Amino acid sequence: MRHWGGSGDYVEGERVFAPPAGSFDPDWVAGLVLDRTGAGVPRRVLADAAQADWTRRTAGAGEDERVRALEEGGLDATTARHVVRAVEDFVTAYGVA
């Protein structure tokens, strides 16, 4: 089936609804980045970056520090910023502390 716009993730199949409130889902964040940017980065790499960013965020790191860490981990600056922004948006939208 062809999808028009976005990655097509979570449109069909078992993951139609959002993750439970209060839980962090790095794969969902990776989907946000792909939908927003069409980044040419594999989804697994983005999910791993989102998990690493979440860990830094919960340890108190600021956004600029988190972007730098993702860049040092191999992401380009633009994608790193998109991952950090997507993590922030996810946390806000789904009530993750």
N, C-alpha and C. Protein backbone atom coordinates (compact mmCIF):
# COMPACT_ATOMS: atom_id res chain seq x y z
N MET A 1 0.84 -1.18 0.00
CA MET A 1 0.00 0.00 0.00
C MET A 1 0.89 1.24 0.00
N ARG A 2 0.52 2.21 -0.77
CA ARG A 2 1.28 3.45 -0.84
C ARG A 2 0.71 4.46 0.15
N HIS A 3 1.59 5.16 0.84
CA HIS A 3 1.19 6.20 1.79
C HIS A 3 1.49 7.56 1.18
N TRP A 4 0.61 8.48 1.39
CA TRP A 4 0.81 9.84 0.88
C TRP A 4 1.15 10.75 2.04
N GLY A 5 2.36 11.30 2.01
CA GLY A 5 2.78 12.22 3.07
C GLY A 5 3.25 11.48 4.30
N GLY A 6 4.24 12.00 4.97
CA GLY A 6 4.75 11.39 6.18
C GLY A 6 5.37 10.03 5.90
N SER A 7 5.71 9.35 6.96
CA SER A 7 6.37 8.06 6.83
C SER A 7 5.37 6.93 6.66
N GLY A 8 4.12 7.17 6.97
CA GLY A 8 3.12 6.11 6.92
C GLY A 8 3.09 5.28 8.19
N ASP A 9 3.94 5.61 9.14
CA ASP A 9 3.99 4.86 10.39
C ASP A 9 2.70 5.02 11.18
N TYR A 10 2.32 3.96 11.81
CA TYR A 10 1.20 3.95 12.74
C TYR A 10 -0.13 4.29 12.08
N VAL A 11 -0.18 4.24 10.78
CA VAL A 11 -1.44 4.46 10.08
C VAL A 11 -2.24 3.17 10.05
N GLU A 12 -1.52 2.07 9.94
CA GLU A 12 -2.17 0.77 9.88
C GLU A 12 -1.47 -0.17 10.83
N GLY A 13 -2.09 -1.29 11.13
CA GLY A 13 -1.43 -2.30 11.93
C GLY A 13 -1.68 -2.12 13.41
N GLU A 14 -0.78 -2.66 14.20
CA GLU A 14 -1.02 -2.76 15.62
C GLU A 14 -0.78 -1.47 16.40
N ARG A 15 0.02 -0.52 15.90
CA ARG A 15 0.32 0.69 16.65
C ARG A 15 -0.44 1.88 16.08
N VAL A 16 -1.73 1.92 16.30
CA VAL A 16 -2.53 3.01 15.79
C VAL A 16 -2.62 4.13 16.82
N PHE A 17 -2.62 3.76 18.09
CA PHE A 17 -2.79 4.74 19.15
C PHE A 17 -1.45 5.13 19.74
N ALA A 18 -1.44 6.27 20.38
CA ALA A 18 -0.23 6.79 21.01
C ALA A 18 0.21 5.88 22.16
N PRO A 19 1.47 6.01 22.56
CA PRO A 19 1.95 5.25 23.71
C PRO A 19 1.21 5.68 24.98
N PRO A 20 1.20 4.83 25.98
CA PRO A 20 0.53 5.18 27.23
C PRO A 20 1.10 6.46 27.84
N ALA A 21 0.24 7.28 28.40
CA ALA A 21 0.68 8.52 29.03
C ALA A 21 1.73 8.20 30.09
N GLY A 22 2.78 9.01 30.13
CA GLY A 22 3.81 8.84 31.13
C GLY A 22 4.94 7.91 30.73
N SER A 23 4.86 7.29 29.54
CA SER A 23 5.93 6.39 29.12
C SER A 23 6.66 6.98 27.92
N PHE A 24 7.96 6.76 27.87
CA PHE A 24 8.77 7.27 26.78
C PHE A 24 8.94 6.18 25.73
N ASP A 25 8.73 6.53 24.46
CA ASP A 25 8.83 5.56 23.37
C ASP A 25 9.79 6.13 22.31
N PRO A 26 11.06 5.70 22.32
CA PRO A 26 12.02 6.25 21.37
C PRO A 26 11.67 5.95 19.92
N ASP A 27 11.01 4.84 19.65
CA ASP A 27 10.61 4.53 18.28
C ASP A 27 9.55 5.52 17.79
N TRP A 28 8.65 5.91 18.67
CA TRP A 28 7.63 6.90 18.34
C TRP A 28 8.32 8.23 18.02
N VAL A 29 9.33 8.61 18.81
CA VAL A 29 10.07 9.85 18.57
C VAL A 29 10.78 9.77 17.21
N ALA A 30 11.37 8.62 16.89
CA ALA A 30 12.02 8.45 15.59
C ALA A 30 11.01 8.67 14.47
N GLY A 31 9.79 8.17 14.64
CA GLY A 31 8.74 8.40 13.65
C GLY A 31 8.41 9.87 13.50
N LEU A 32 8.40 10.61 14.62
CA LEU A 32 8.16 12.06 14.55
C LEU A 32 9.23 12.73 13.69
N VAL A 33 10.48 12.37 13.93
CA VAL A 33 11.58 12.97 13.17
C VAL A 33 11.44 12.64 11.69
N LEU A 34 11.15 11.40 11.38
CA LEU A 34 10.99 11.00 9.98
C LEU A 34 9.82 11.72 9.32
N ASP A 35 8.69 11.82 10.03
CA ASP A 35 7.53 12.51 9.47
C ASP A 35 7.81 13.99 9.23
N ARG A 36 8.53 14.60 10.13
CA ARG A 36 8.79 16.04 10.03
C ARG A 36 9.86 16.38 9.01
N THR A 37 10.85 15.52 8.87
CA THR A 37 12.02 15.91 8.09
C THR A 37 12.31 15.02 6.90
N GLY A 38 11.81 13.79 6.91
CA GLY A 38 12.19 12.85 5.86
C GLY A 38 13.68 12.55 5.92
N ALA A 39 14.24 12.67 7.12
CA ALA A 39 15.69 12.47 7.30
C ALA A 39 16.14 11.17 6.65
N GLY A 40 17.27 11.22 6.01
CA GLY A 40 17.82 10.04 5.37
C GLY A 40 18.62 9.19 6.35
N VAL A 41 18.14 9.11 7.57
CA VAL A 41 18.81 8.36 8.62
C VAL A 41 17.91 7.18 8.96
N PRO A 42 18.47 5.99 9.11
CA PRO A 42 17.63 4.83 9.45
C PRO A 42 16.85 5.04 10.75
N ARG A 43 15.64 4.54 10.76
CA ARG A 43 14.76 4.68 11.92
C ARG A 43 15.43 4.17 13.20
N ARG A 44 16.14 3.05 13.13
CA ARG A 44 16.78 2.47 14.32
C ARG A 44 17.83 3.45 14.88
N VAL A 45 18.55 4.12 14.00
CA VAL A 45 19.55 5.10 14.44
C VAL A 45 18.86 6.27 15.15
N LEU A 46 17.75 6.72 14.59
CA LEU A 46 17.00 7.82 15.22
C LEU A 46 16.42 7.39 16.56
N ALA A 47 15.91 6.18 16.65
CA ALA A 47 15.35 5.68 17.91
C ALA A 47 16.45 5.58 18.97
N ASP A 48 17.63 5.08 18.58
CA ASP A 48 18.75 5.00 19.52
C ASP A 48 19.16 6.40 19.98
N ALA A 49 19.17 7.35 19.05
CA ALA A 49 19.52 8.73 19.39
C ALA A 49 18.48 9.32 20.34
N ALA A 50 17.21 9.03 20.10
CA ALA A 50 16.14 9.54 20.97
C ALA A 50 16.29 8.96 22.38
N GLN A 51 16.62 7.68 22.48
CA GLN A 51 16.80 7.07 23.80
C GLN A 51 18.00 7.70 24.52
N ALA A 52 19.09 7.90 23.79
CA ALA A 52 20.27 8.53 24.39
C ALA A 52 19.95 9.95 24.82
N ASP A 53 19.18 10.67 24.00
CA ASP A 53 18.81 12.04 24.35
C ASP A 53 17.91 12.06 25.58
N TRP A 54 16.98 11.13 25.64
CA TRP A 54 16.09 11.04 26.81
C TRP A 54 16.91 10.82 28.08
N THR A 55 17.90 9.96 28.00
CA THR A 55 18.75 9.68 29.16
C THR A 55 19.48 10.95 29.60
N ARG A 56 20.03 11.69 28.64
CA ARG A 56 20.72 12.95 28.97
C ARG A 56 19.73 13.97 29.55
N ARG A 57 18.53 14.01 28.97
CA ARG A 57 17.52 14.97 29.44
C ARG A 57 17.16 14.68 30.89
N THR A 58 16.93 13.41 31.22
CA THR A 58 16.55 13.07 32.59
C THR A 58 17.70 13.29 33.57
N ALA A 59 18.94 13.33 33.06
CA ALA A 59 20.10 13.62 33.90
C ALA A 59 20.31 15.13 34.07
N GLY A 60 19.47 15.94 33.43
CA GLY A 60 19.52 17.39 33.60
C GLY A 60 20.27 18.16 32.54
N ALA A 61 20.68 17.50 31.47
CA ALA A 61 21.40 18.21 30.40
C ALA A 61 20.46 19.16 29.66
N GLY A 62 21.00 20.30 29.27
CA GLY A 62 20.23 21.28 28.51
C GLY A 62 20.17 20.90 27.03
N GLU A 63 19.31 21.59 26.29
CA GLU A 63 19.11 21.26 24.88
C GLU A 63 20.39 21.40 24.05
N ASP A 64 21.15 22.47 24.25
CA ASP A 64 22.37 22.67 23.47
C ASP A 64 23.38 21.55 23.75
N GLU A 65 23.52 21.18 25.00
CA GLU A 65 24.43 20.09 25.37
C GLU A 65 23.98 18.77 24.75
N ARG A 66 22.68 18.55 24.72
CA ARG A 66 22.14 17.32 24.15
C ARG A 66 22.37 17.26 22.64
N VAL A 67 22.20 18.39 21.96
CA VAL A 67 22.45 18.44 20.52
C VAL A 67 23.92 18.12 20.25
N ARG A 68 24.83 18.75 21.01
CA ARG A 68 26.26 18.49 20.83
C ARG A 68 26.59 17.01 21.03
N ALA A 69 26.00 16.41 22.04
CA ALA A 69 26.26 14.99 22.31
C ALA A 69 25.80 14.11 21.15
N LEU A 70 24.65 14.43 20.56
CA LEU A 70 24.16 13.65 19.42
C LEU A 70 25.06 13.86 18.20
N GLU A 71 25.56 15.07 18.03
CA GLU A 71 26.50 15.33 16.93
C GLU A 71 27.78 14.52 17.14
N GLU A 72 28.28 14.49 18.36
CA GLU A 72 29.48 13.71 18.66
C GLU A 72 29.22 12.22 18.44
N GLY A 73 27.95 11.81 18.58
CA GLY A 73 27.58 10.43 18.35
C GLY A 73 27.39 10.09 16.88
N GLY A 74 27.52 11.09 16.00
CA GLY A 74 27.49 10.81 14.57
C GLY A 74 26.34 11.42 13.78
N LEU A 75 25.38 12.07 14.44
CA LEU A 75 24.30 12.72 13.68
C LEU A 75 24.76 14.08 13.19
N ASP A 76 24.23 14.49 12.04
CA ASP A 76 24.52 15.85 11.59
C ASP A 76 23.75 16.83 12.48
N ALA A 77 24.17 18.08 12.46
CA ALA A 77 23.62 19.09 13.38
C ALA A 77 22.12 19.25 13.22
N THR A 78 21.63 19.27 11.99
CA THR A 78 20.20 19.48 11.76
C THR A 78 19.38 18.31 12.31
N THR A 79 19.81 17.09 12.03
CA THR A 79 19.08 15.92 12.53
C THR A 79 19.15 15.87 14.05
N ALA A 80 20.30 16.19 14.63
CA ALA A 80 20.43 16.20 16.09
C ALA A 80 19.44 17.18 16.71
N ARG A 81 19.31 18.36 16.13
CA ARG A 81 18.35 19.35 16.64
C ARG A 81 16.92 18.83 16.52
N HIS A 82 16.62 18.16 15.41
CA HIS A 82 15.27 17.61 15.23
C HIS A 82 14.98 16.51 16.24
N VAL A 83 15.95 15.69 16.57
CA VAL A 83 15.74 14.64 17.57
C VAL A 83 15.45 15.27 18.93
N VAL A 84 16.26 16.24 19.33
CA VAL A 84 16.06 16.90 20.63
C VAL A 84 14.69 17.57 20.67
N ARG A 85 14.31 18.24 19.60
CA ARG A 85 13.01 18.91 19.56
C ARG A 85 11.87 17.88 19.63
N ALA A 86 12.02 16.77 18.93
CA ALA A 86 10.99 15.73 18.95
C ALA A 86 10.87 15.10 20.33
N VAL A 87 11.99 14.92 21.02
CA VAL A 87 11.93 14.41 22.40
C VAL A 87 11.17 15.39 23.27
N GLU A 88 11.48 16.67 23.15
CA GLU A 88 10.77 17.68 23.95
C GLU A 88 9.27 17.69 23.63
N ASP A 89 8.94 17.62 22.36
CA ASP A 89 7.53 17.61 21.97
C ASP A 89 6.82 16.38 22.51
N PHE A 90 7.47 15.23 22.43
CA PHE A 90 6.89 13.99 22.93
C PHE A 90 6.63 14.08 24.44
N VAL A 91 7.62 14.57 25.18
CA VAL A 91 7.51 14.69 26.63
C VAL A 91 6.33 15.58 26.99
N THR A 92 6.19 16.68 26.29
CA THR A 92 5.09 17.60 26.53
C THR A 92 3.75 16.99 26.18
N ALA A 93 3.67 16.36 25.04
CA ALA A 93 2.40 15.82 24.56
C ALA A 93 1.91 14.62 25.37
N TYR A 94 2.84 13.79 25.86
CA TYR A 94 2.43 12.54 26.51
C TYR A 94 2.69 12.52 28.00
N GLY A 95 2.97 13.66 28.59
CA GLY A 95 3.07 13.76 30.04
C GLY A 95 4.17 12.92 30.66
N VAL A 96 5.30 12.85 29.97
CA VAL A 96 6.43 12.08 30.50
C VAL A 96 7.24 13.01 31.41
N ALA A 97 7.53 12.56 32.60
CA ALA A 97 8.27 13.39 33.56
C ALA A 97 9.76 13.28 33.35
